PDB file of N, CA and C in Angstrom:
ATOM      1  N   MET A   1     -32.869  49.543 142.963  1.00  0.00           N
ATOM      2  CA  MET A   1     -33.056  48.291 142.262  1.00  0.00           C
ATOM      3  C   MET A   1     -34.243  47.505 142.841  1.00  0.00           C
ATOM      4  N   ARG A   2     -34.382  47.491 144.175  1.00  0.00           N
ATOM      5  CA  ARG A   2     -35.500  46.790 144.801  1.00  0.00           C
ATOM      6  C   ARG A   2     -36.834  47.381 144.373  1.00  0.00           C
ATOM      7  N   LYS A   3     -36.878  48.693 144.253  1.00  0.00           N
ATOM      8  CA  LYS A   3     -38.126  49.358 143.854  1.00  0.00           C
ATOM      9  C   LYS A   3     -38.512  48.948 142.444  1.00  0.00           C
ATOM     10  N   ILE A   4     -37.531  48.860 141.581  1.00  0.00           N
ATOM     11  CA  ILE A   4     -37.803  48.474 140.193  1.00  0.00           C
ATOM     12  C   ILE A   4     -38.317  47.036 140.144  1.00  0.00           C
ATOM     13  N   LEU A   5     -37.655  46.135 140.873  1.00  0.00           N
ATOM     14  CA  LEU A   5     -38.096  44.738 140.892  1.00  0.00           C
ATOM     15  C   LEU A   5     -39.486  44.603 141.494  1.00  0.00           C
ATOM     16  N   SER A   6     -39.748  45.357 142.544  1.00  0.00           N
ATOM     17  CA  SER A   6     -41.082  45.323 143.160  1.00  0.00           C
ATOM     18  C   SER A   6     -42.140  45.816 142.193  1.00  0.00           C
ATOM     19  N   LEU A   7     -41.830  46.871 141.465  1.00  0.00           N
ATOM     20  CA  LEU A   7     -42.769  47.421 140.485  1.00  0.00           C
ATOM     21  C   LEU A   7     -43.031  46.408 139.370  1.00  0.00           C
ATOM     22  N   LEU A   8     -41.981  45.763 138.875  1.00  0.00           N
ATOM     23  CA  LEU A   8     -42.155  44.763 137.824  1.00  0.00           C
ATOM     24  C   LEU A   8     -42.996  43.586 138.310  1.00  0.00           C
ATOM     25  N   PHE A   9     -42.768  43.149 139.538  1.00  0.00           N
ATOM     26  CA  PHE A   9     -43.561  42.068 140.117  1.00  0.00           C
ATOM     27  C   PHE A   9     -45.026  42.468 140.207  1.00  0.00           C
ATOM     28  N   LEU A  10     -45.274  43.666 140.692  1.00  0.00           N
ATOM     29  CA  LEU A  10     -46.640  44.153 140.842  1.00  0.00           C
ATOM     30  C   LEU A  10     -47.348  44.252 139.494  1.00  0.00           C
ATOM     31  N   LEU A  11     -46.649  44.765 138.481  1.00  0.00           N
ATOM     32  CA  LEU A  11     -47.235  44.867 137.138  1.00  0.00           C
ATOM     33  C   LEU A  11     -47.534  43.483 136.570  1.00  0.00           C
ATOM     34  N   GLY A  12     -46.637  42.543 136.782  1.00  0.00           N
ATOM     35  CA  GLY A  12     -46.862  41.174 136.318  1.00  0.00           C
ATOM     36  C   GLY A  12     -48.050  40.534 137.004  1.00  0.00           C
ATOM     37  N   PHE A  13     -48.177  40.750 138.303  1.00  0.00           N
ATOM     38  CA  PHE A  13     -49.309  40.214 139.057  1.00  0.00           C
ATOM     39  C   PHE A  13     -50.618  40.819 138.584  1.00  0.00           C
ATOM     40  N   MET A  14     -50.624  42.131 138.374  1.00  0.00           N
ATOM     41  CA  MET A  14     -51.852  42.807 137.931  1.00  0.00           C
ATOM     42  C   MET A  14     -52.261  42.343 136.549  1.00  0.00           C
ATOM     43  N   SER A  15     -51.312  42.179 135.643  1.00  0.00           N
ATOM     44  CA  SER A  15     -51.676  41.750 134.288  1.00  0.00           C
ATOM     45  C   SER A  15     -52.198  40.319 134.293  1.00  0.00           C
ATOM     46  N   SER A  16     -51.653  39.456 135.164  1.00  0.00           N
ATOM     47  CA  SER A  16     -52.157  38.087 135.216  1.00  0.00           C
ATOM     48  C   SER A  16     -53.534  38.026 135.866  1.00  0.00           C
ATOM     49  N   ALA A  17     -53.851  38.978 136.716  1.00  0.00           N
ATOM     50  CA  ALA A  17     -55.165  39.004 137.353  1.00  0.00           C
ATOM     51  C   ALA A  17     -56.260  39.288 136.341  1.00  0.00           C
ATOM     52  N   PHE A  18     -55.911  39.975 135.258  1.00  0.00           N
ATOM     53  CA  PHE A  18     -56.889  40.315 134.240  1.00  0.00           C
ATOM     54  C   PHE A  18     -56.667  39.528 132.952  1.00  0.00           C
ATOM     55  N   ALA A  19     -55.879  38.470 133.027  1.00  0.00           N
ATOM     56  CA  ALA A  19     -55.577  37.674 131.847  1.00  0.00           C
ATOM     57  C   ALA A  19     -56.790  36.855 131.445  1.00  0.00           C
ATOM     58  N   ASP A  20     -56.839  36.537 130.165  1.00  0.00           N
ATOM     59  CA  ASP A  20     -57.907  35.688 129.666  1.00  0.00           C
ATOM     60  C   ASP A  20     -57.722  34.272 130.201  1.00  0.00           C
ATOM     61  N   GLU A  21     -58.836  33.599 130.380  1.00  0.00           N
ATOM     62  CA  GLU A  21     -58.823  32.197 130.806  1.00  0.00           C
ATOM     63  C   GLU A  21     -59.148  31.352 129.589  1.00  0.00           C
ATOM     64  N   GLU A  22     -58.404  30.280 129.389  1.00  0.00           N
ATOM     65  CA  GLU A  22     -58.659  29.351 128.297  1.00  0.00           C
ATOM     66  C   GLU A  22     -58.764  27.945 128.865  1.00  0.00           C
ATOM     67  N   PHE A  23     -59.690  27.175 128.311  1.00  0.00           N
ATOM     68  CA  PHE A  23     -59.821  25.784 128.721  1.00  0.00           C
ATOM     69  C   PHE A  23     -60.439  24.983 127.589  1.00  0.00           C
ATOM     70  N   TYR A  24     -60.343  23.668 127.701  1.00  0.00           N
ATOM     71  CA  TYR A  24     -60.908  22.749 126.726  1.00  0.00           C
ATOM     72  C   TYR A  24     -62.034  21.970 127.372  1.00  0.00           C
ATOM     73  N   GLY A  25     -63.046  21.652 126.586  1.00  0.00           N
ATOM     74  CA  GLY A  25     -64.149  20.867 127.094  1.00  0.00           C
ATOM     75  C   GLY A  25     -65.052  20.426 125.968  1.00  0.00           C
ATOM     76  N   LYS A  26     -65.996  19.559 126.303  1.00  0.00           N
ATOM     77  CA  LYS A  26     -66.967  19.083 125.311  1.00  0.00           C
ATOM     78  C   LYS A  26     -68.289  19.809 125.480  1.00  0.00           C
ATOM     79  N   ILE A  27     -68.897  20.127 124.349  1.00  0.00           N
ATOM     80  CA  ILE A  27     -70.211  20.777 124.353  1.00  0.00           C
ATOM     81  C   ILE A  27     -71.246  19.744 124.781  1.00  0.00           C
ATOM     82  N   GLU A  28     -72.005  20.066 125.838  1.00  0.00           N
ATOM     83  CA  GLU A  28     -73.064  19.184 126.313  1.00  0.00           C
ATOM     84  C   GLU A  28     -74.432  19.648 125.831  1.00  0.00           C
ATOM     85  N   SER A  29     -74.605  20.959 125.699  1.00  0.00           N
ATOM     86  CA  SER A  29     -75.834  21.493 125.099  1.00  0.00           C
ATOM     87  C   SER A  29     -75.548  22.904 124.600  1.00  0.00           C
ATOM     88  N   MET A  30     -76.366  23.318 123.645  1.00  0.00           N
ATOM     89  CA  MET A  30     -76.243  24.645 123.042  1.00  0.00           C
ATOM     90  C   MET A  30     -77.563  24.979 122.359  1.00  0.00           C
ATOM     91  N   PRO A  31     -77.792  26.253 122.036  1.00  0.00           N
ATOM     92  CA  PRO A  31     -79.036  26.610 121.341  1.00  0.00           C
ATOM     93  C   PRO A  31     -79.158  25.861 120.010  1.00  0.00           C
ATOM     94  N   GLU A  32     -80.383  25.593 119.599  1.00  0.00           N
ATOM     95  CA  GLU A  32     -80.606  24.812 118.377  1.00  0.00           C
ATOM     96  C   GLU A  32     -80.404  25.594 117.087  1.00  0.00           C
ATOM     97  N   ASN A  33     -80.930  26.794 116.998  1.00  0.00           N
ATOM     98  CA  ASN A  33     -80.936  27.510 115.724  1.00  0.00           C
ATOM     99  C   ASN A  33     -80.012  28.719 115.674  1.00  0.00           C
ATOM    100  N   SER A  34     -79.216  28.906 116.702  1.00  0.00           N
ATOM    101  CA  SER A  34     -78.344  30.067 116.773  1.00  0.00           C
ATOM    102  C   SER A  34     -77.206  29.752 117.722  1.00  0.00           C
ATOM    103  N   PHE A  35     -76.098  30.434 117.570  1.00  0.00           N
ATOM    104  CA  PHE A  35     -75.015  30.273 118.530  1.00  0.00           C
ATOM    105  C   PHE A  35     -75.298  31.065 119.806  1.00  0.00           C
ATOM    106  N   GLU A  36     -76.121  32.101 119.706  1.00  0.00           N
ATOM    107  CA  GLU A  36     -76.387  32.961 120.855  1.00  0.00           C
ATOM    108  C   GLU A  36     -77.295  32.272 121.861  1.00  0.00           C
ATOM    109  N   GLY A  37     -76.889  32.358 123.128  1.00  0.00           N
ATOM    110  CA  GLY A  37     -77.683  31.766 124.199  1.00  0.00           C
ATOM    111  C   GLY A  37     -76.806  30.969 125.141  1.00  0.00           C
ATOM    112  N   GLU A  38     -77.447  30.092 125.898  1.00  0.00           N
ATOM    113  CA  GLU A  38     -76.738  29.315 126.912  1.00  0.00           C
ATOM    114  C   GLU A  38     -76.102  28.063 126.309  1.00  0.00           C
ATOM    115  N   TRP A  39     -74.814  27.908 126.559  1.00  0.00           N
ATOM    116  CA  TRP A  39     -74.072  26.704 126.192  1.00  0.00           C
ATOM    117  C   TRP A  39     -73.652  26.033 127.489  1.00  0.00           C
ATOM    118  N   VAL A  40     -73.697  24.702 127.523  1.00  0.00           N
ATOM    119  CA  VAL A  40     -73.151  23.949 128.644  1.00  0.00           C
ATOM    120  C   VAL A  40     -71.935  23.195 128.120  1.00  0.00           C
ATOM    121  N   ILE A  41     -70.779  23.504 128.722  1.00  0.00           N
ATOM    122  CA  ILE A  41     -69.517  22.889 128.327  1.00  0.00           C
ATOM    123  C   ILE A  41     -68.902  22.284 129.586  1.00  0.00           C
ATOM    124  N   ASP A  42     -68.723  20.985 129.561  1.00  0.00           N
ATOM    125  CA  ASP A  42     -68.191  20.254 130.718  1.00  0.00           C
ATOM    126  C   ASP A  42     -68.932  20.576 132.011  1.00  0.00           C
ATOM    127  N   GLY A  43     -70.244  20.618 131.940  1.00  0.00           N
ATOM    128  CA  GLY A  43     -71.067  20.792 133.128  1.00  0.00           C
ATOM    129  C   GLY A  43     -71.240  22.215 133.614  1.00  0.00           C
ATOM    130  N   LYS A  44     -70.611  23.184 132.941  1.00  0.00           N
ATOM    131  CA  LYS A  44     -70.745  24.588 133.343  1.00  0.00           C
ATOM    132  C   LYS A  44     -71.480  25.360 132.263  1.00  0.00           C
ATOM    133  N   SER A  45     -72.278  26.305 132.703  1.00  0.00           N
ATOM    134  CA  SER A  45     -73.099  27.103 131.797  1.00  0.00           C
ATOM    135  C   SER A  45     -72.377  28.392 131.406  1.00  0.00           C
ATOM    136  N   TYR A  46     -72.420  28.735 130.115  1.00  0.00           N
ATOM    137  CA  TYR A  46     -71.805  29.947 129.583  1.00  0.00           C
ATOM    138  C   TYR A  46     -72.783  30.651 128.665  1.00  0.00           C
ATOM    139  N   GLN A  47     -72.809  31.970 128.724  1.00  0.00           N
ATOM    140  CA  GLN A  47     -73.653  32.765 127.839  1.00  0.00           C
ATOM    141  C   GLN A  47     -72.839  33.204 126.629  1.00  0.00           C
ATOM    142  N   VAL A  48     -73.277  32.800 125.456  1.00  0.00           N
ATOM    143  CA  VAL A  48     -72.636  33.179 124.201  1.00  0.00           C
ATOM    144  C   VAL A  48     -73.473  34.278 123.580  1.00  0.00           C
ATOM    145  N   THR A  49     -72.818  35.348 123.165  1.00  0.00           N
ATOM    146  CA  THR A  49     -73.500  36.507 122.597  1.00  0.00           C
ATOM    147  C   THR A  49     -73.068  36.718 121.151  1.00  0.00           C
ATOM    148  N   SER A  50     -73.603  37.746 120.547  1.00  0.00           N
ATOM    149  CA  SER A  50     -73.221  38.098 119.170  1.00  0.00           C
ATOM    150  C   SER A  50     -71.765  38.553 119.105  1.00  0.00           C
ATOM    151  N   GLU A  51     -71.198  38.906 120.240  1.00  0.00           N
ATOM    152  CA  GLU A  51     -69.795  39.339 120.307  1.00  0.00           C
ATOM    153  C   GLU A  51     -68.825  38.157 120.359  1.00  0.00           C
ATOM    154  N   THR A  52     -69.338  36.963 120.638  1.00  0.00           N
ATOM    155  CA  THR A  52     -68.498  35.766 120.748  1.00  0.00           C
ATOM    156  C   THR A  52     -68.149  35.256 119.356  1.00  0.00           C
ATOM    157  N   GLU A  53     -66.863  34.998 119.134  1.00  0.00           N
ATOM    158  CA  GLU A  53     -66.429  34.413 117.872  1.00  0.00           C
ATOM    159  C   GLU A  53     -66.486  32.888 118.003  1.00  0.00           C
ATOM    160  N   VAL A  54     -67.189  32.240 117.086  1.00  0.00           N
ATOM    161  CA  VAL A  54     -67.256  30.771 117.069  1.00  0.00           C
ATOM    162  C   VAL A  54     -66.501  30.316 115.830  1.00  0.00           C
ATOM    163  N   ASP A  55     -65.356  29.672 116.046  1.00  0.00           N
ATOM    164  CA  ASP A  55     -64.475  29.236 114.964  1.00  0.00           C
ATOM    165  C   ASP A  55     -64.760  27.773 114.645  1.00  0.00           C
ATOM    166  N   GLU A  56     -65.339  27.526 113.465  1.00  0.00           N
ATOM    167  CA  GLU A  56     -65.667  26.173 113.034  1.00  0.00           C
ATOM    168  C   GLU A  56     -64.753  25.697 111.903  1.00  0.00           C
ATOM    169  N   GLU A  57     -63.553  26.237 111.846  1.00  0.00           N
ATOM    170  CA  GLU A  57     -62.619  25.860 110.789  1.00  0.00           C
ATOM    171  C   GLU A  57     -62.267  24.375 110.830  1.00  0.00           C
ATOM    172  N   ASP A  58     -62.143  23.810 112.032  1.00  0.00           N
ATOM    173  CA  ASP A  58     -61.747  22.407 112.163  1.00  0.00           C
ATOM    174  C   ASP A  58     -62.897  21.459 112.468  1.00  0.00           C
ATOM    175  N   GLY A  59     -64.125  21.956 112.472  1.00  0.00           N
ATOM    176  CA  GLY A  59     -65.274  21.107 112.740  1.00  0.00           C
ATOM    177  C   GLY A  59     -66.492  21.935 113.084  1.00  0.00           C
ATOM    178  N   ASN A  60     -67.630  21.271 113.181  1.00  0.00           N
ATOM    179  CA  ASN A  60     -68.890  21.957 113.484  1.00  0.00           C
ATOM    180  C   ASN A  60     -69.111  22.057 114.985  1.00  0.00           C
ATOM    181  N   ALA A  61     -69.647  23.188 115.400  1.00  0.00           N
ATOM    182  CA  ALA A  61     -70.044  23.369 116.793  1.00  0.00           C
ATOM    183  C   ALA A  61     -71.341  22.599 116.991  1.00  0.00           C
ATOM    184  N   LYS A  62     -71.248  21.491 117.726  1.00  0.00           N
ATOM    185  CA  LYS A  62     -72.408  20.643 117.981  1.00  0.00           C
ATOM    186  C   LYS A  62     -72.165  19.886 119.280  1.00  0.00           C
ATOM    187  N   VAL A  63     -73.232  19.328 119.819  1.00  0.00           N
ATOM    188  CA  VAL A  63     -73.133  18.553 121.050  1.00  0.00           C
ATOM    189  C   VAL A  63     -72.129  17.417 120.825  1.00  0.00           C
ATOM    190  N   GLY A  64     -71.189  17.287 121.766  1.00  0.00           N
ATOM    191  CA  GLY A  64     -70.160  16.259 121.685  1.00  0.00           C
ATOM    192  C   GLY A  64     -68.838  16.750 121.142  1.00  0.00           C
ATOM    193  N   ALA A  65     -68.847  17.920 120.504  1.00  0.00           N
ATOM    194  CA  ALA A  65     -67.615  18.458 119.937  1.00  0.00           C
ATOM    195  C   ALA A  65     -66.707  18.993 121.039  1.00  0.00           C
ATOM    196  N   CYS A  66     -65.408  18.840 120.836  1.00  0.00           N
ATOM    197  CA  CYS A  66     -64.420  19.393 121.751  1.00  0.00           C
ATOM    198  C   CYS A  66     -64.126  20.826 121.323  1.00  0.00           C
ATOM    199  N   VAL A  67     -64.110  21.725 122.284  1.00  0.00           N
ATOM    200  CA  VAL A  67     -63.867  23.136 121.987  1.00  0.00           C
ATOM    201  C   VAL A  67     -62.838  23.720 122.951  1.00  0.00           C
ATOM    202  N   GLU A  68     -62.156  24.737 122.460  1.00  0.00           N
ATOM    203  CA  GLU A  68     -61.313  25.570 123.314  1.00  0.00           C
ATOM    204  C   GLU A  68     -62.114  26.835 123.563  1.00  0.00           C
ATOM    205  N   VAL A  69     -62.289  27.184 124.816  1.00  0.00           N
ATOM    206  CA  VAL A  69     -63.099  28.342 125.189  1.00  0.00           C
ATOM    207  C   VAL A  69     -62.184  29.403 125.780  1.00  0.00           C
ATOM    208  N   GLU A  70     -62.349  30.630 125.314  1.00  0.00           N
ATOM    209  CA  GLU A  70     -61.573  31.747 125.853  1.00  0.00           C
ATOM    210  C   GLU A  70     -62.526  32.709 126.546  1.00  0.00           C
ATOM    211  N   ILE A  71     -62.273  32.934 127.832  1.00  0.00           N
ATOM    212  CA  ILE A  71     -63.086  33.825 128.654  1.00  0.00           C
ATOM    213  C   ILE A  71     -62.304  35.106 128.889  1.00  0.00           C
ATOM    214  N   ASP A  72     -62.948  36.252 128.711  1.00  0.00           N
ATOM    215  CA  ASP A  72     -62.299  37.552 128.918  1.00  0.00           C
ATOM    216  C   ASP A  72     -62.055  37.776 130.403  1.00  0.00           C
ATOM    217  N   GLY A  73     -60.833  38.119 130.734  1.00  0.00           N
ATOM    218  CA  GLY A  73     -60.484  38.402 132.121  1.00  0.00           C
ATOM    219  C   GLY A  73     -60.315  39.881 132.379  1.00  0.00           C
ATOM    220  N   GLY A  74     -60.589  40.722 131.374  1.00  0.00           N
ATOM    221  CA  GLY A  74     -60.416  42.165 131.514  1.00  0.00           C
ATOM    222  C   GLY A  74     -61.488  42.807 132.361  1.00  0.00           C
ATOM    223  N   GLU A  75     -61.306  44.072 132.622  1.00  0.00           N
ATOM    224  CA  GLU A  75     -62.243  44.805 133.472  1.00  0.00           C
ATOM    225  C   GLU A  75     -63.590  45.038 132.791  1.00  0.00           C
ATOM    226  N   LYS A  76     -63.566  45.389 131.509  1.00  0.00           N
ATOM    227  CA  LYS A  76     -64.793  45.775 130.815  1.00  0.00           C
ATOM    228  C   LYS A  76     -65.766  44.609 130.627  1.00  0.00           C
ATOM    229  N   ASP A  77     -65.290  43.514 130.072  1.00  0.00           N
ATOM    230  CA  ASP A  77     -66.152  42.366 129.755  1.00  0.00           C
ATOM    231  C   ASP A  77     -65.759  41.124 130.530  1.00  0.00           C
ATOM    232  N   ALA A  78     -65.325  41.281 131.750  1.00  0.00           N
ATOM    233  CA  ALA A  78     -64.849  40.146 132.543  1.00  0.00           C
ATOM    234  C   ALA A  78     -65.906  39.055 132.607  1.00  0.00           C
ATOM    235  N   GLY A  79     -65.484  37.844 132.295  1.00  0.00           N
ATOM    236  CA  GLY A  79     -66.373  36.695 132.341  1.00  0.00           C
ATOM    237  C   GLY A  79     -67.094  36.414 131.037  1.00  0.00           C
ATOM    238  N   ALA A  80     -66.979  37.302 130.062  1.00  0.00           N
ATOM    239  CA  ALA A  80     -67.648  37.105 128.771  1.00  0.00           C
ATOM    240  C   ALA A  80     -66.886  36.066 127.943  1.00  0.00           C
ATOM    241  N   VAL A  81     -67.629  35.247 127.220  1.00  0.00           N
ATOM    242  CA  VAL A  81     -67.007  34.280 126.324  1.00  0.00           C
ATOM    243  C   VAL A  81     -66.555  35.032 125.080  1.00  0.00           C
ATOM    244  N   GLU A  82     -65.234  35.113 124.887  1.00  0.00           N
ATOM    245  CA  GLU A  82     -64.687  35.810 123.726  1.00  0.00           C
ATOM    246  C   GLU A  82     -64.688  34.936 122.480  1.00  0.00           C
ATOM    247  N   GLU A  83     -64.273  33.672 122.658  1.00  0.00           N
ATOM    248  CA  GLU A  83     -64.139  32.799 121.500  1.00  0.00           C
ATOM    249  C   GLU A  83     -64.385  31.350 121.880  1.00  0.00           C
ATOM    250  N   ILE A  84     -65.000  30.630 120.950  1.00  0.00           N
ATOM    251  CA  ILE A  84     -65.150  29.181 121.054  1.00  0.00           C
ATOM    252  C   ILE A  84     -64.553  28.613 119.771  1.00  0.00           C
ATOM    253  N   ASP A  85     -63.510  27.807 119.938  1.00  0.00           N
ATOM    254  CA  ASP A  85     -62.780  27.249 118.808  1.00  0.00           C
ATOM    255  C   ASP A  85     -62.995  25.737 118.787  1.00  0.00           C
ATOM    256  N   VAL A  86     -63.711  25.250 117.771  1.00  0.00           N
ATOM    257  CA  VAL A  86     -63.980  23.814 117.654  1.00  0.00           C
ATOM    258  C   VAL A  86     -62.696  23.106 117.243  1.00  0.00           C
ATOM    259  N   LYS A  87     -62.373  22.049 117.963  1.00  0.00           N
ATOM    260  CA  LYS A  87     -61.177  21.261 117.678  1.00  0.00           C
ATOM    261  C   LYS A  87     -61.522  20.110 116.739  1.00  0.00           C
ATOM    262  N   LYS A  88     -60.517  19.651 116.009  1.00  0.00           N
ATOM    263  CA  LYS A  88     -60.724  18.658 114.966  1.00  0.00           C
ATOM    264  C   LYS A  88     -61.097  17.280 115.513  1.00  0.00           C
ATOM    265  N   TYR A  89     -60.422  16.837 116.563  1.00  0.00           N
ATOM    266  CA  TYR A  89     -60.620  15.482 117.070  1.00  0.00           C
ATOM    267  C   TYR A  89     -61.209  15.517 118.472  1.00  0.00           C
ATOM    268  N   SER A  90     -62.498  15.280 118.578  1.00  0.00           N
ATOM    269  CA  SER A  90     -63.177  15.348 119.874  1.00  0.00           C
ATOM    270  C   SER A  90     -62.658  14.305 120.858  1.00  0.00           C
ATOM    271  N   PHE A  91     -62.209  13.160 120.357  1.00  0.00           N
ATOM    272  CA  PHE A  91     -61.741  12.114 121.266  1.00  0.00           C
ATOM    273  C   PHE A  91     -60.442  12.494 121.969  1.00  0.00           C
ATOM    274  N   LEU A  92     -59.761  13.544 121.491  1.00  0.00           N
ATOM    275  CA  LEU A  92     -58.518  14.007 122.120  1.00  0.00           C
ATOM    276  C   LEU A  92     -58.767  15.171 123.080  1.00  0.00           C
ATOM    277  N   CYS A  93     -59.994  15.443 123.408  1.00  0.00           N
ATOM    278  CA  CYS A  93     -60.335  16.644 124.172  1.00  0.00           C
ATOM    279  C   CYS A  93     -59.531  16.768 125.461  1.00  0.00           C
ATOM    280  N   SER A  94     -59.383  15.705 126.195  1.00  0.00           N
ATOM    281  CA  SER A  94     -58.659  15.806 127.462  1.00  0.00           C
ATOM    282  C   SER A  94     -57.157  15.990 127.265  1.00  0.00           C
ATOM    283  N   PHE A  95     -56.673  15.770 126.039  1.00  0.00           N
ATOM    284  CA  PHE A  95     -55.243  15.909 125.778  1.00  0.00           C
ATOM    285  C   PHE A  95     -54.867  17.195 125.049  1.00  0.00           C
ATOM    286  N   TYR A  96     -55.847  17.952 124.546  1.00  0.00           N
ATOM    287  CA  TYR A  96     -55.532  19.146 123.782  1.00  0.00           C
ATOM    288  C   TYR A  96     -54.711  20.158 124.581  1.00  0.00           C
ATOM    289  N   GLU A  97     -55.018  20.287 125.858  1.00  0.00           N
ATOM    290  CA  GLU A  97     -54.275  21.241 126.680  1.00  0.00           C
ATOM    291  C   GLU A  97     -52.792  20.865 126.754  1.00  0.00           C
ATOM    292  N   LEU A  98     -52.501  19.600 126.701  1.00  0.00           N
ATOM    293  CA  LEU A  98     -51.109  19.139 126.750  1.00  0.00           C
ATOM    294  C   LEU A  98     -50.382  19.321 125.422  1.00  0.00           C
ATOM    295  N   ILE A  99     -51.100  19.186 124.305  1.00  0.00           N
ATOM    296  CA  ILE A  99     -50.452  19.221 122.995  1.00  0.00           C
ATOM    297  C   ILE A  99     -50.593  20.532 122.258  1.00  0.00           C
ATOM    298  N   ASP A 100     -51.482  21.387 122.698  1.00  0.00           N
ATOM    299  CA  ASP A 100     -51.745  22.640 121.992  1.00  0.00           C
ATOM    300  C   ASP A 100     -50.746  23.710 122.344  1.00  0.00           C
TER     301      ASP A 100
END
């Protein structure tokens, strides 16, 4: 029984080590004519590529917009921006993590 519990703990730890990271922040700068390139979100720089999904269903991706950013935690593309999801109400940016 101990071996099984130890194995389950180890598997859980390993999967969380490669889990995606998600956070909310405001866009401070981004490329002008394309989504591809360097974005600054809450003071940190991120490289957005053609592989990044930018979801503008709830608003436009622009400076000042609140976004949810998903970073790949897997082995292959670790650190790559997988998705940027524009949130509807930018003034609620600091609260989205609590209500989402």
